[in-house]
């Protein structure tokens, strides 16, 4: 008599586990609907940088440049190098940073 009761309890336990698993993992067949698109995060523009351009340039002075500018951009802002500028030692492709002084030398 004891054995049939254990078998019935085992069958009932398996049934409860099966139903629980079915509810947890089974879906109701409905598709997920996106109600609203989330906009991509936007980066705020980087603030301009300020550089001092001195030496053999047309208009030495302090200039505001866009972040990520190069030495050549600073030279252009200062009106370009003069005829007496020695550009051989100047890396015109180098990035500039805020507060930097760019000196364009003369020969000698």
Protein backbone atom coordinates (compact mmCIF):
# COMPACT_ATOMS: atom_id res chain seq x y z
CA UNK A 1 0.00 0.00 0.00
CA UNK A 2 2.83 2.32 0.72
CA UNK A 3 4.44 1.91 -2.68
CA UNK A 4 1.43 3.09 -4.79
CA UNK A 5 1.19 6.24 -2.66
CA UNK A 6 4.88 7.03 -3.26
CA UNK A 7 4.41 6.51 -6.99
CA UNK A 8 1.39 8.84 -7.02
CA UNK A 9 3.32 11.48 -5.05
CA UNK A 10 6.25 11.19 -7.47
CA UNK A 11 3.94 11.57 -10.48
CA UNK A 12 2.27 14.59 -8.86
CA UNK A 13 5.68 16.17 -8.10
CA UNK A 14 6.84 15.65 -11.69
CA UNK A 15 3.59 17.20 -12.92
CA UNK A 16 4.02 20.26 -10.70
CA UNK A 17 7.62 20.70 -11.86
CA UNK A 18 6.58 20.31 -15.51
CA UNK A 19 3.83 22.92 -15.18
CA UNK A 20 6.14 25.33 -13.39
CA UNK A 21 8.81 25.00 -16.06
CA UNK A 22 6.21 25.43 -18.80
CA UNK A 23 4.93 28.65 -17.23
CA UNK A 24 8.39 30.08 -16.65
CA UNK A 25 9.80 29.31 -20.08
CA UNK A 26 6.72 29.22 -22.21
CA UNK A 27 5.56 32.42 -23.87
CA UNK A 28 2.09 33.40 -24.78
CA UNK A 29 3.10 33.65 -28.45
CA UNK A 30 2.80 37.42 -28.68
CA UNK A 31 5.54 39.38 -30.41
CA UNK A 32 7.35 42.15 -28.61
CA UNK A 33 6.35 45.57 -29.91
CA UNK A 34 8.67 48.57 -29.66
CA UNK A 35 6.54 51.49 -28.58
CA UNK A 36 9.16 54.22 -28.83
CA UNK A 37 12.64 54.44 -30.29
CA UNK A 38 15.29 55.57 -27.88
CA UNK A 39 17.44 58.27 -29.47
CA UNK A 40 21.14 57.63 -29.65
CA UNK A 41 23.12 59.55 -27.07
CA UNK A 42 24.52 62.74 -28.49
CA UNK A 43 27.89 64.19 -27.65
CA UNK A 44 28.00 67.81 -26.79
CA UNK A 45 30.44 69.72 -28.95
CA UNK A 46 33.88 70.13 -27.48
CA UNK A 47 34.71 73.68 -26.43
CA UNK A 48 37.16 75.62 -28.59
CA UNK A 49 40.82 75.78 -27.64
CA UNK A 50 42.89 78.94 -27.34
CA UNK A 51 46.45 79.10 -28.69
CA UNK A 52 49.13 81.78 -28.89
CA UNK A 53 50.77 82.01 -32.32
CA UNK A 54 54.05 83.94 -32.31
CA UNK A 55 57.19 84.47 -34.37
CA UNK A 56 57.36 84.73 -38.14
CA UNK A 57 53.63 84.89 -38.92
CA UNK A 58 51.62 87.65 -40.58
CA UNK A 59 49.46 88.42 -37.53
CA UNK A 60 50.88 87.08 -34.24
CA UNK A 61 48.30 86.77 -31.48
CA UNK A 62 45.89 84.63 -29.52
CA UNK A 63 43.40 82.61 -31.55
CA UNK A 64 40.41 80.38 -30.84
CA UNK A 65 40.45 77.12 -32.76
CA UNK A 66 38.15 74.13 -32.93
CA UNK A 67 39.07 71.20 -30.70
CA UNK A 68 41.23 68.76 -32.64
CA UNK A 69 42.97 71.49 -34.67
CA UNK A 70 46.53 71.17 -35.94
CA UNK A 71 49.49 73.56 -36.06
CA UNK A 72 48.68 74.31 -39.71
CA UNK A 73 45.22 75.56 -38.62
CA UNK A 74 46.83 77.92 -36.12
CA UNK A 75 49.21 79.21 -38.80
CA UNK A 76 46.30 79.82 -41.16
CA UNK A 77 44.40 81.71 -38.45
CA UNK A 78 47.45 83.94 -37.93
CA UNK A 79 47.54 84.85 -41.61
CA UNK A 80 50.18 82.31 -42.57
CA UNK A 81 53.93 82.26 -42.19
CA UNK A 82 56.02 85.18 -43.43
CA UNK A 83 58.68 84.86 -46.13
CA UNK A 84 61.35 84.81 -43.45
CA UNK A 85 59.83 81.86 -41.54
CA UNK A 86 61.88 78.69 -41.12
CA UNK A 87 59.20 76.00 -41.43
CA UNK A 88 61.64 73.09 -41.72
CA UNK A 89 61.72 72.55 -37.96
CA UNK A 90 57.98 72.99 -37.42
CA UNK A 91 55.63 69.99 -37.50
CA UNK A 92 52.59 71.51 -39.14
CA UNK A 93 50.56 68.31 -38.72
CA UNK A 94 50.95 68.16 -34.93
CA UNK A 95 47.75 68.50 -32.89
CA UNK A 96 47.50 71.59 -30.72
CA UNK A 97 46.17 71.71 -27.17
CA UNK A 98 44.47 74.43 -25.20
CA UNK A 99 46.86 77.11 -23.93
CA UNK A 100 49.71 76.07 -26.22
CA UNK A 101 52.17 78.60 -27.67
CA UNK A 102 53.17 77.95 -31.26
CA UNK A 103 56.38 79.74 -32.20
CA UNK A 104 57.37 79.97 -35.86
CA UNK A 105 61.14 80.52 -35.94
CA UNK A 106 63.21 82.61 -38.30
CA UNK A 107 66.44 81.18 -39.75
CA UNK A 108 69.50 81.49 -37.59
